[in-house]
Amino acid sequence: MSTITVTVPATTANLGPGFDCIGAALSLYNRFQFSRLEPSATEKLKITVTGAEAAKVKTDESNLAHIAFVTLYDRLNQSPPPVAIHIDMQVPLARGLGSSATAIVGGLVGANELAGAPLSQVEVMQLAIELEGHPDNVVPALLGGCRLAASNTPRGSWEICDIPWHPDIVPVVAIPDFELSTAEARQVLPTDYSRADAIFNAAHLGLLVRALATGDRDWLRCALQDKIHQPYRRSLIQGYEAVQQAAMNAGACGMVISGAGPTLLALTDVTNVDAVVREMAAAWMEFGVKADVRAIGLDTQGAQISS
């Protein structure tokens, strides 16, 4: 196969108390097309990008999809073939929607497919986690759905648990017109936490898993609370409190920071979707922030390959 396309979903990670361990795939996609170049070609790498933020994507060897592509061939102890990569960007950059995870998964899956699929999905997933540094975005981007990842420390591997998501719970994403880098969002976090905060998050993550599966609104309202990352990151997101209050007043069960932010994610009942979308957008506009606010579906397929 000389040309393959990998379609990879955006992701929302953390979901309140699930810091660095839980994430869900969303029905918003980046597409990565990989085409072998002739061995005689003068260019060994050609990267083109389309989409709203195409100008921000690197088109040289430092492109993240290309780095992932090369990494897989390195793991196979093979030289990567000359390749043309075309990226269609629909997932906004540096917004907390897993754009880097799409590049990592797209590059690894594309390379594996061009190489004849020598690595299993689990091996590709392990490589993706190594590249990203944590599993919460790359695992659902690869597998789809909502996933919890737990490290199996003695073996150096991961146990991945599928989290059922009740169909009455609708994600609403509010994507602002400003960026926040993951590195900046991590700098504000403390290096140590109290026992009380650790217990709080463990309890709320357990409740979150049950709330998502059952659709119990009271459980969900309680479960989305967090003491590990959101209290420290909200100051980086202008208008956070106002947008949160607007979402709750409109009937949302709760609002959390998507990934490292600045995108905010509300989880709401089907009947309140339109009001939540409208009020979150209006609240941010009060601060002069234009936001793309929309209800979005859960992606259940993960990375998809086509020729």
C-alpha atoms as a PDB file:
ATOM      1  CA  MET A   1       0.000   0.000   0.000  1.00  0.00           C
ATOM      2  CA  SER A   2       1.626   3.256  -1.120  1.00  0.00           C
ATOM      3  CA  THR A   3      -0.925   5.773   0.242  1.00  0.00           C
ATOM      4  CA  ILE A   4      -2.985   5.511   3.400  1.00  0.00           C
ATOM      5  CA  THR A   5      -5.111   7.971   5.360  1.00  0.00           C
ATOM      6  CA  VAL A   6      -5.509   7.884   9.132  1.00  0.00           C
ATOM      7  CA  THR A   7      -8.441   9.764  10.674  1.00  0.00           C
ATOM      8  CA  VAL A   8      -7.936  10.498  14.377  1.00  0.00           C
ATOM      9  CA  PRO A   9     -10.500  11.993  16.796  1.00  0.00           C
ATOM     10  CA  ALA A  10      -9.976  14.895  19.154  1.00  0.00           C
ATOM     11  CA  THR A  11     -10.053  14.049  22.839  1.00  0.00           C
ATOM     12  CA  THR A  12     -11.038  15.634  26.114  1.00  0.00           C
ATOM     13  CA  ALA A  13      -8.935  14.499  29.054  1.00  0.00           C
ATOM     14  CA  ASN A  14      -9.019  14.620  32.858  1.00  0.00           C
ATOM     15  CA  LEU A  15     -12.826  15.061  33.149  1.00  0.00           C
ATOM     16  CA  GLY A  16     -12.412  16.766  36.513  1.00  0.00           C
ATOM     17  CA  PRO A  17     -10.879  14.299  39.002  1.00  0.00           C
ATOM     18  CA  GLY A  18      -9.371  11.957  36.371  1.00  0.00           C
ATOM     19  CA  PHE A  19      -6.119  13.893  36.016  1.00  0.00           C
ATOM     20  CA  ASP A  20      -3.711  12.245  33.534  1.00  0.00           C
ATOM     21  CA  CYS A  21      -5.635   8.950  33.530  1.00  0.00           C
ATOM     22  CA  ILE A  22      -9.051   9.357  31.884  1.00  0.00           C
ATOM     23  CA  GLY A  23     -10.069  10.718  28.501  1.00  0.00           C
ATOM     24  CA  ALA A  24     -12.825  10.521  25.907  1.00  0.00           C
ATOM     25  CA  ALA A  25     -12.722  10.693  22.111  1.00  0.00           C
ATOM     26  CA  LEU A  26     -14.882  13.358  20.442  1.00  0.00           C
ATOM     27  CA  SER A  27     -16.425  13.539  16.973  1.00  0.00           C
ATOM     28  CA  LEU A  28     -13.978  16.162  15.687  1.00  0.00           C
ATOM     29  CA  TYR A  29     -11.108  14.914  13.533  1.00  0.00           C
ATOM     30  CA  ASN A  30      -7.650  15.457  12.080  1.00  0.00           C
ATOM     31  CA  ARG A  31      -6.716  13.474   8.969  1.00  0.00           C
ATOM     32  CA  PHE A  32      -3.206  12.378   8.085  1.00  0.00           C
ATOM     33  CA  GLN A  33      -2.402  11.074   4.602  1.00  0.00           C
ATOM     34  CA  PHE A  34       0.893   9.257   4.072  1.00  0.00           C
ATOM     35  CA  SER A  35       2.213   8.615   0.565  1.00  0.00           C
ATOM     36  CA  ARG A  36       5.466   6.871  -0.235  1.00  0.00           C
ATOM     37  CA  LEU A  37       7.802   8.968  -2.372  1.00  0.00           C
ATOM     38  CA  GLU A  38       9.929   7.340  -5.027  1.00  0.00           C
ATOM     39  CA  PRO A  39      13.326   6.327  -3.596  1.00  0.00           C
ATOM     40  CA  SER A  40      14.922   8.431  -6.316  1.00  0.00           C
ATOM     41  CA  ALA A  41      13.020  11.562  -5.255  1.00  0.00           C
ATOM     42  CA  THR A  42      15.199  14.517  -4.324  1.00  0.00           C
ATOM     43  CA  GLU A  43      12.867  15.273  -1.404  1.00  0.00           C
ATOM     44  CA  LYS A  44      12.769  12.683   1.372  1.00  0.00           C
ATOM     45  CA  LEU A  45      10.017  14.504   3.262  1.00  0.00           C
ATOM     46  CA  LYS A  46       7.172  16.697   2.043  1.00  0.00           C
ATOM     47  CA  ILE A  47       4.542  17.987   4.478  1.00  0.00           C
ATOM     48  CA  THR A  48       1.469  19.974   3.466  1.00  0.00           C
ATOM     49  CA  VAL A  49      -1.275  21.197   5.784  1.00  0.00           C
ATOM     50  CA  THR A  50      -4.825  22.463   5.283  1.00  0.00           C
ATOM     51  CA  GLY A  51      -7.348  23.710   7.824  1.00  0.00           C
ATOM     52  CA  ALA A  52      -8.071  26.819   9.882  1.00  0.00           C
ATOM     53  CA  GLU A  53      -4.749  26.804  11.771  1.00  0.00           C
ATOM     54  CA  ALA A  54      -2.610  25.238   9.029  1.00  0.00           C
ATOM     55  CA  ALA A  55      -0.060  28.082   9.138  1.00  0.00           C
ATOM     56  CA  LYS A  56       0.856  27.179  12.731  1.00  0.00           C
ATOM     57  CA  VAL A  57       1.810  23.576  11.903  1.00  0.00           C
ATOM     58  CA  LYS A  58       5.482  22.826  11.281  1.00  0.00           C
ATOM     59  CA  THR A  59       6.291  21.361   7.874  1.00  0.00           C
ATOM     60  CA  ASP A  60       9.824  20.139   8.502  1.00  0.00           C
ATOM     61  CA  GLU A  61      11.352  17.205  10.389  1.00  0.00           C
ATOM     62  CA  SER A  62      10.152  18.676  13.702  1.00  0.00           C
ATOM     63  CA  ASN A  63       6.510  18.042  12.733  1.00  0.00           C
ATOM     64  CA  LEU A  64       5.053  15.838  15.468  1.00  0.00           C
ATOM     65  CA  ALA A  65       3.303  13.417  13.089  1.00  0.00           C
ATOM     66  CA  HIS A  66       6.609  12.945  11.274  1.00  0.00           C
ATOM     67  CA  ILE A  67       8.487  12.427  14.557  1.00  0.00           C
ATOM     68  CA  ALA A  68       5.964   9.698  15.476  1.00  0.00           C
ATOM     69  CA  PHE A  69       6.276   8.198  11.975  1.00  0.00           C
ATOM     70  CA  VAL A  70      10.068   7.969  12.322  1.00  0.00           C
ATOM     71  CA  THR A  71       9.801   6.663  15.902  1.00  0.00           C
ATOM     72  CA  LEU A  72       7.860   3.610  14.781  1.00  0.00           C
ATOM     73  CA  TYR A  73      10.423   2.743  12.133  1.00  0.00           C
ATOM     74  CA  ASP A  74      13.166   3.222  14.727  1.00  0.00           C
ATOM     75  CA  ARG A  75      11.358   0.703  16.934  1.00  0.00           C
ATOM     76  CA  LEU A  76      11.392  -1.710  13.979  1.00  0.00           C
ATOM     77  CA  ASN A  77      15.116  -1.030  13.418  1.00  0.00           C
ATOM     78  CA  GLN A  78      14.262   0.108   9.892  1.00  0.00           C
ATOM     79  CA  SER A  79      14.948   3.285   7.973  1.00  0.00           C
ATOM     80  CA  PRO A  80      11.746   5.249   7.342  1.00  0.00           C
ATOM     81  CA  PRO A  81      10.812   5.531   3.665  1.00  0.00           C
ATOM     82  CA  PRO A  82      10.727   8.916   1.897  1.00  0.00           C
ATOM     83  CA  VAL A  83       7.204  10.152   2.566  1.00  0.00           C
ATOM     84  CA  ALA A  84       4.731  12.889   1.700  1.00  0.00           C
ATOM     85  CA  ILE A  85       2.423  13.750   4.601  1.00  0.00           C
ATOM     86  CA  HIS A  86      -0.739  15.765   4.102  1.00  0.00           C
ATOM     87  CA  ILE A  87      -2.538  16.929   7.249  1.00  0.00           C
ATOM     88  CA  ASP A  88      -6.099  18.239   7.291  1.00  0.00           C
ATOM     89  CA  MET A  89      -6.486  20.086  10.599  1.00  0.00           C
ATOM     90  CA  GLN A  90      -9.925  20.359  12.179  1.00  0.00           C
ATOM     91  CA  VAL A  91      -8.826  20.049  15.829  1.00  0.00           C
ATOM     92  CA  PRO A  92      -7.593  23.452  17.068  1.00  0.00           C
ATOM     93  CA  LEU A  93      -4.056  23.674  18.449  1.00  0.00           C
ATOM     94  CA  ALA A  94      -3.164  24.310  22.100  1.00  0.00           C
ATOM     95  CA  ARG A  95      -6.794  24.312  23.251  1.00  0.00           C
ATOM     96  CA  GLY A  96      -6.970  21.170  25.402  1.00  0.00           C
ATOM     97  CA  LEU A  97      -8.535  18.954  22.726  1.00  0.00           C
ATOM     98  CA  GLY A  98      -5.648  16.563  22.144  1.00  0.00           C
ATOM     99  CA  SER A  99      -4.247  17.970  18.884  1.00  0.00           C
ATOM    100  CA  SER A 100      -0.767  16.623  19.741  1.00  0.00           C
ATOM    101  CA  ALA A 101      -2.265  13.197  20.499  1.00  0.00           C
ATOM    102  CA  THR A 102      -3.867  13.103  17.042  1.00  0.00           C
ATOM    103  CA  ALA A 103      -0.456  13.776  15.488  1.00  0.00           C
ATOM    104  CA  ILE A 104       1.248  11.071  17.554  1.00  0.00           C
ATOM    105  CA  VAL A 105      -1.442   8.481  16.874  1.00  0.00           C
ATOM    106  CA  GLY A 106      -1.723   9.468  13.214  1.00  0.00           C
ATOM    107  CA  GLY A 107       2.034   9.218  12.665  1.00  0.00           C
ATOM    108  CA  LEU A 108       2.394   5.881  14.451  1.00  0.00           C
ATOM    109  CA  VAL A 109      -0.640   4.239  12.832  1.00  0.00           C
ATOM    110  CA  GLY A 110       0.350   5.554   9.393  1.00  0.00           C
ATOM    111  CA  ALA A 111       3.909   4.255   9.734  1.00  0.00           C
ATOM    112  CA  ASN A 112       2.741   0.894  11.041  1.00  0.00           C
ATOM    113  CA  GLU A 113       0.344   0.485   8.131  1.00  0.00           C
ATOM    114  CA  LEU A 114       2.930   1.455   5.501  1.00  0.00           C
ATOM    115  CA  ALA A 115       5.362  -1.015   7.101  1.00  0.00           C
ATOM    116  CA  GLY A 116       2.851  -3.854   6.751  1.00  0.00           C
ATOM    117  CA  ALA A 117       1.334  -3.647  10.275  1.00  0.00           C
ATOM    118  CA  PRO A 118       4.154  -5.431  12.156  1.00  0.00           C
ATOM    119  CA  LEU A 119       3.088  -3.961  15.525  1.00  0.00           C
ATOM    120  CA  SER A 120      -0.148  -4.840  17.307  1.00  0.00           C
ATOM    121  CA  GLN A 121      -2.585  -2.155  18.421  1.00  0.00           C
ATOM    122  CA  VAL A 122      -1.365  -2.618  22.008  1.00  0.00           C
ATOM    123  CA  GLU A 123       2.255  -2.097  20.923  1.00  0.00           C
ATOM    124  CA  VAL A 124       1.300   1.032  18.964  1.00  0.00           C
ATOM    125  CA  MET A 125      -0.591   2.288  22.021  1.00  0.00           C
ATOM    126  CA  GLN A 126       2.410   1.719  24.286  1.00  0.00           C
ATOM    127  CA  LEU A 127       4.615   3.665  21.874  1.00  0.00           C
ATOM    128  CA  ALA A 128       2.050   6.488  21.773  1.00  0.00           C
ATOM    129  CA  ILE A 129       2.018   6.718  25.579  1.00  0.00           C
ATOM    130  CA  GLU A 130       5.841   6.842  25.618  1.00  0.00           C
ATOM    131  CA  LEU A 131       5.841   9.702  23.100  1.00  0.00           C
ATOM    132  CA  GLU A 132       3.061  11.712  24.768  1.00  0.00           C
ATOM    133  CA  GLY A 133       4.249  11.022  28.329  1.00  0.00           C
ATOM    134  CA  HIS A 134       0.796  10.144  29.680  1.00  0.00           C
ATOM    135  CA  PRO A 135      -2.113   8.043  28.402  1.00  0.00           C
ATOM    136  CA  ASP A 136      -5.198  10.193  28.834  1.00  0.00           C
ATOM    137  CA  ASN A 137      -5.337  11.640  25.288  1.00  0.00           C
ATOM    138  CA  VAL A 138      -3.551   9.107  23.092  1.00  0.00           C
ATOM    139  CA  VAL A 139      -5.476   6.055  24.357  1.00  0.00           C
ATOM    140  CA  PRO A 140      -8.986   7.305  23.450  1.00  0.00           C
ATOM    141  CA  ALA A 141      -7.595   8.880  20.257  1.00  0.00           C
ATOM    142  CA  LEU A 142      -6.379   5.426  19.216  1.00  0.00           C
ATOM    143  CA  LEU A 143      -9.215   3.285  20.604  1.00  0.00           C
ATOM    144  CA  GLY A 144     -12.232   5.629  20.730  1.00  0.00           C
ATOM    145  CA  GLY A 145     -14.781   5.945  23.521  1.00  0.00           C
ATOM    146  CA  CYS A 146     -14.059   6.932  27.107  1.00  0.00           C
ATOM    147  CA  ARG A 147     -11.017   5.176  28.574  1.00  0.00           C
ATOM    148  CA  LEU A 148      -9.326   4.891  31.935  1.00  0.00           C
ATOM    149  CA  ALA A 149      -5.628   3.963  31.893  1.00  0.00           C
ATOM    150  CA  ALA A 150      -3.797   2.504  34.900  1.00  0.00           C
ATOM    151  CA  SER A 151      -0.096   1.691  34.919  1.00  0.00           C
ATOM    152  CA  ASN A 152       0.741  -1.932  35.674  1.00  0.00           C
ATOM    153  CA  THR A 153       3.950  -0.957  37.427  1.00  0.00           C
ATOM    154  CA  PRO A 154       5.760  -4.278  37.855  1.00  0.00           C
ATOM    155  CA  ARG A 155       5.353  -5.037  34.157  1.00  0.00           C
ATOM    156  CA  GLY A 156       5.855  -1.509  32.862  1.00  0.00           C
ATOM    157  CA  SER A 157       2.616  -1.820  30.881  1.00  0.00           C
ATOM    158  CA  TRP A 158      -0.883  -0.342  31.006  1.00  0.00           C
ATOM    159  CA  GLU A 159      -4.315  -1.695  31.791  1.00  0.00           C
ATOM    160  CA  ILE A 160      -6.969   0.079  29.725  1.00  0.00           C
ATOM    161  CA  CYS A 161     -10.556   0.101  30.941  1.00  0.00           C
ATOM    162  CA  ASP A 162     -13.494   1.089  28.736  1.00  0.00           C
ATOM    163  CA  ILE A 163     -15.823   3.475  30.609  1.00  0.00           C
ATOM    164  CA  PRO A 164     -19.466   3.206  29.488  1.00  0.00           C
ATOM    165  CA  TRP A 165     -20.973   6.623  28.672  1.00  0.00           C
ATOM    166  CA  HIS A 166     -24.719   7.023  29.133  1.00  0.00           C
ATOM    167  CA  PRO A 167     -26.381   8.411  25.964  1.00  0.00           C
ATOM    168  CA  ASP A 168     -28.303  11.067  27.927  1.00  0.00           C
ATOM    169  CA  ILE A 169     -25.043  12.798  28.945  1.00  0.00           C
ATOM    170  CA  VAL A 170     -24.055  15.273  26.217  1.00  0.00           C
ATOM    171  CA  PRO A 171     -20.615  16.925  26.059  1.00  0.00           C
ATOM    172  CA  VAL A 172     -20.598  20.631  25.215  1.00  0.00           C
ATOM    173  CA  VAL A 173     -17.211  22.099  24.283  1.00  0.00           C
ATOM    174  CA  ALA A 174     -16.497  25.808  24.565  1.00  0.00           C
ATOM    175  CA  ILE A 175     -13.353  26.528  22.530  1.00  0.00           C
ATOM    176  CA  PRO A 176     -12.043  30.080  23.083  1.00  0.00           C
ATOM    177  CA  ASP A 177     -10.070  32.101  20.552  1.00  0.00           C
ATOM    178  CA  PHE A 178      -6.905  32.034  22.688  1.00  0.00           C
ATOM    179  CA  GLU A 179      -4.326  29.322  23.317  1.00  0.00           C
ATOM    180  CA  LEU A 180      -2.843  27.797  26.469  1.00  0.00           C
ATOM    181  CA  SER A 181       0.168  25.529  26.225  1.00  0.00           C
ATOM    182  CA  THR A 182       0.247  22.291  28.196  1.00  0.00           C
ATOM    183  CA  ALA A 183       3.668  23.264  29.529  1.00  0.00           C
ATOM    184  CA  GLU A 184       2.298  26.534  30.950  1.00  0.00           C
ATOM    185  CA  ALA A 185      -0.695  24.727  32.447  1.00  0.00           C
ATOM    186  CA  ARG A 186       1.601  22.194  34.149  1.00  0.00           C
ATOM    187  CA  GLN A 187       3.865  24.878  35.617  1.00  0.00           C
ATOM    188  CA  VAL A 188       1.127  26.132  37.932  1.00  0.00           C
ATOM    189  CA  LEU A 189       0.563  22.713  39.522  1.00  0.00           C
ATOM    190  CA  PRO A 190       2.079  21.923  42.936  1.00  0.00           C
ATOM    191  CA  THR A 191       4.667  19.168  43.258  1.00  0.00           C
ATOM    192  CA  ASP A 192       2.951  17.619  46.318  1.00  0.00           C
ATOM    193  CA  TYR A 193      -0.634  17.129  47.461  1.00  0.00           C
ATOM    194  CA  SER A 194      -2.176  16.495  50.859  1.00  0.00           C
ATOM    195  CA  ARG A 195      -3.596  13.121  51.818  1.00  0.00           C
ATOM    196  CA  ALA A 196      -7.030  14.747  52.032  1.00  0.00           C
ATOM    197  CA  ASP A 197      -6.828  15.981  48.436  1.00  0.00           C
ATOM    198  CA  ALA A 198      -5.632  12.569  47.197  1.00  0.00           C
ATOM    199  CA  ILE A 199      -8.546  10.841  48.965  1.00  0.00           C
ATOM    200  CA  PHE A 200     -10.989  13.446  47.620  1.00  0.00           C
ATOM    201  CA  ASN A 201      -9.942  12.804  44.021  1.00  0.00           C
ATOM    202  CA  ALA A 202      -9.879   9.027  44.395  1.00  0.00           C
ATOM    203  CA  ALA A 203     -13.450   9.074  45.699  1.00  0.00           C
ATOM    204  CA  HIS A 204     -14.684  11.449  43.028  1.00  0.00           C
ATOM    205  CA  LEU A 205     -13.028   9.521  40.195  1.00  0.00           C
ATOM    206  CA  GLY A 206     -14.763   6.355  41.395  1.00  0.00           C
ATOM    207  CA  LEU A 207     -18.066   8.206  41.483  1.00  0.00           C
ATOM    208  CA  LEU A 208     -17.417   9.699  38.017  1.00  0.00           C
ATOM    209  CA  VAL A 209     -17.057   6.249  36.477  1.00  0.00           C
ATOM    210  CA  ARG A 210     -20.427   5.196  37.921  1.00  0.00           C
ATOM    211  CA  ALA A 211     -22.105   8.512  37.037  1.00  0.00           C
ATOM    212  CA  LEU A 212     -21.038   8.308  33.379  1.00  0.00           C
ATOM    213  CA  ALA A 213     -22.248   4.718  33.127  1.00  0.00           C
ATOM    214  CA  THR A 214     -25.625   5.243  34.797  1.00  0.00           C
ATOM    215  CA  GLY A 215     -26.405   8.819  33.770  1.00  0.00           C
ATOM    216  CA  ASP A 216     -27.199   9.683  37.405  1.00  0.00           C
ATOM    217  CA  ARG A 217     -27.249  13.502  37.436  1.00  0.00           C
ATOM    218  CA  ASP A 218     -26.701  13.921  41.174  1.00  0.00           C
ATOM    219  CA  TRP A 219     -23.675  11.647  41.089  1.00  0.00           C
ATOM    220  CA  LEU A 220     -22.304  13.494  38.068  1.00  0.00           C
ATOM    221  CA  ARG A 221     -22.697  16.930  39.700  1.00  0.00           C
ATOM    222  CA  CYS A 222     -20.653  15.731  42.668  1.00  0.00           C
ATOM    223  CA  ALA A 223     -18.170  13.607  40.680  1.00  0.00           C
ATOM    224  CA  LEU A 224     -16.826  16.397  38.445  1.00  0.00           C
ATOM    225  CA  GLN A 225     -15.219  18.171  41.415  1.00  0.00           C
ATOM    226  CA  ASP A 226     -11.428  18.072  41.591  1.00  0.00           C
ATOM    227  CA  LYS A 227      -8.604  19.248  43.871  1.00  0.00           C
ATOM    228  CA  ILE A 228      -5.558  18.176  41.823  1.00  0.00           C
ATOM    229  CA  HIS A 229      -5.395  20.468  38.787  1.00  0.00           C
ATOM    230  CA  GLN A 230      -8.431  22.681  38.196  1.00  0.00           C
ATOM    231  CA  PRO A 231      -8.105  24.922  41.282  1.00  0.00           C
ATOM    232  CA  TYR A 232      -4.632  25.893  40.047  1.00  0.00           C
ATOM    233  CA  ARG A 233      -5.375  26.208  36.332  1.00  0.00           C
ATOM    234  CA  ARG A 234      -8.589  28.181  36.387  1.00  0.00           C
ATOM    235  CA  SER A 235      -6.646  31.423  36.957  1.00  0.00           C
ATOM    236  CA  LEU A 236      -5.037  30.929  33.522  1.00  0.00           C
ATOM    237  CA  ILE A 237      -8.443  30.962  31.816  1.00  0.00           C
ATOM    238  CA  GLN A 238     -10.066  34.377  31.634  1.00  0.00           C
ATOM    239  CA  GLY A 239     -13.727  34.318  32.620  1.00  0.00           C
ATOM    240  CA  TYR A 240     -13.643  30.747  33.975  1.00  0.00           C
ATOM    241  CA  GLU A 241     -15.936  31.357  36.943  1.00  0.00           C
ATOM    242  CA  ALA A 242     -18.483  33.286  34.877  1.00  0.00           C
ATOM    243  CA  VAL A 243     -18.653  30.619  32.157  1.00  0.00           C
ATOM    244  CA  GLN A 244     -18.968  27.892  34.792  1.00  0.00           C
ATOM    245  CA  GLN A 245     -21.812  29.728  36.531  1.00  0.00           C
ATOM    246  CA  ALA A 246     -23.581  30.294  33.199  1.00  0.00           C
ATOM    247  CA  ALA A 247     -23.335  26.591  32.330  1.00  0.00           C
ATOM    248  CA  MET A 248     -24.718  25.553  35.720  1.00  0.00           C
ATOM    249  CA  ASN A 249     -27.538  28.117  35.569  1.00  0.00           C
ATOM    250  CA  ALA A 250     -28.505  26.755  32.146  1.00  0.00           C
ATOM    251  CA  GLY A 251     -28.847  23.252  33.594  1.00  0.00           C
ATOM    252  CA  ALA A 252     -25.450  21.613  33.070  1.00  0.00           C
ATOM    253  CA  CYS A 253     -24.472  18.930  35.580  1.00  0.00           C
ATOM    254  CA  GLY A 254     -20.990  20.413  35.756  1.00  0.00           C
ATOM    255  CA  MET A 255     -18.142  22.057  33.884  1.00  0.00           C
ATOM    256  CA  VAL A 256     -14.484  21.086  33.778  1.00  0.00           C
ATOM    257  CA  ILE A 257     -11.309  22.155  32.018  1.00  0.00           C
ATOM    258  CA  SER A 258     -10.763  20.042  28.911  1.00  0.00           C
ATOM    259  CA  GLY A 259      -7.246  18.633  29.091  1.00  0.00           C
ATOM    260  CA  ALA A 260      -4.883  21.431  30.039  1.00  0.00           C
ATOM    261  CA  GLY A 261      -7.361  24.049  28.755  1.00  0.00           C
ATOM    262  CA  PRO A 262      -8.361  26.634  27.791  1.00  0.00           C
ATOM    263  CA  THR A 263     -11.330  24.761  26.259  1.00  0.00           C
ATOM    264  CA  LEU A 264     -14.063  24.227  28.833  1.00  0.00           C
ATOM    265  CA  LEU A 265     -16.254  21.124  28.791  1.00  0.00           C
ATOM    266  CA  ALA A 266     -19.772  21.031  30.197  1.00  0.00           C
ATOM    267  CA  LEU A 267     -21.680  17.782  30.649  1.00  0.00           C
ATOM    268  CA  THR A 268     -25.399  18.257  30.403  1.00  0.00           C
ATOM    269  CA  ASP A 269     -28.742  16.537  30.064  1.00  0.00           C
ATOM    270  CA  VAL A 270     -30.100  16.284  26.511  1.00  0.00           C
ATOM    271  CA  THR A 271     -32.945  18.695  27.322  1.00  0.00           C
ATOM    272  CA  ASN A 272     -30.596  21.526  28.372  1.00  0.00           C
ATOM    273  CA  VAL A 273     -28.093  21.401  25.501  1.00  0.00           C
ATOM    274  CA  ASP A 274     -29.262  24.500  23.594  1.00  0.00           C
ATOM    275  CA  ALA A 275     -29.405  26.654  26.722  1.00  0.00           C
ATOM    276  CA  VAL A 276     -25.953  25.530  27.896  1.00  0.00           C
ATOM    277  CA  VAL A 277     -24.408  26.286  24.492  1.00  0.00           C
ATOM    278  CA  ARG A 278     -26.027  29.714  24.309  1.00  0.00           C
ATOM    279  CA  GLU A 279     -25.239  30.805  27.867  1.00  0.00           C
ATOM    280  CA  MET A 280     -21.589  29.649  27.874  1.00  0.00           C
ATOM    281  CA  ALA A 281     -20.927  31.597  24.672  1.00  0.00           C
ATOM    282  CA  ALA A 282     -22.668  34.691  26.030  1.00  0.00           C
ATOM    283  CA  ALA A 283     -20.770  34.564  29.333  1.00  0.00           C
ATOM    284  CA  TRP A 284     -17.394  34.481  27.609  1.00  0.00           C
ATOM    285  CA  MET A 285     -18.404  37.279  25.239  1.00  0.00           C
ATOM    286  CA  GLU A 286     -18.819  39.483  28.334  1.00  0.00           C
ATOM    287  CA  PHE A 287     -15.045  39.206  28.698  1.00  0.00           C
ATOM    288  CA  GLY A 288     -14.426  39.927  25.025  1.00  0.00           C
ATOM    289  CA  VAL A 289     -13.651  36.264  24.365  1.00  0.00           C
ATOM    290  CA  LYS A 290     -15.158  34.800  21.219  1.00  0.00           C
ATOM    291  CA  ALA A 291     -15.746  31.076  21.680  1.00  0.00           C
ATOM    292  CA  ASP A 292     -16.863  28.256  19.423  1.00  0.00           C
ATOM    293  CA  VAL A 293     -19.411  26.534  21.657  1.00  0.00           C
ATOM    294  CA  ARG A 294     -21.107  23.363  20.448  1.00  0.00           C
ATOM    295  CA  ALA A 295     -22.605  20.079  21.547  1.00  0.00           C
ATOM    296  CA  ILE A 296     -20.415  17.253  20.302  1.00  0.00           C
ATOM    297  CA  GLY A 297     -20.779  13.501  20.103  1.00  0.00           C
ATOM    298  CA  LEU A 298     -18.581  10.830  21.605  1.00  0.00           C
ATOM    299  CA  ASP A 299     -16.428   9.064  18.999  1.00  0.00           C
ATOM    300  CA  THR A 300     -16.521   5.291  19.522  1.00  0.00           C
ATOM    301  CA  GLN A 301     -14.260   4.199  16.647  1.00  0.00           C
ATOM    302  CA  GLY A 302     -10.882   5.787  17.423  1.00  0.00           C
ATOM    303  CA  ALA A 303      -8.222   6.005  14.720  1.00  0.00           C
ATOM    304  CA  GLN A 304      -9.532   4.785  11.376  1.00  0.00           C
ATOM    305  CA  ILE A 305      -7.430   3.677   8.388  1.00  0.00           C
ATOM    306  CA  SER A 306      -8.437   4.085   4.751  1.00  0.00           C
ATOM    307  CA  SER A 307      -6.515   3.807   1.504  1.00  0.00           C
END
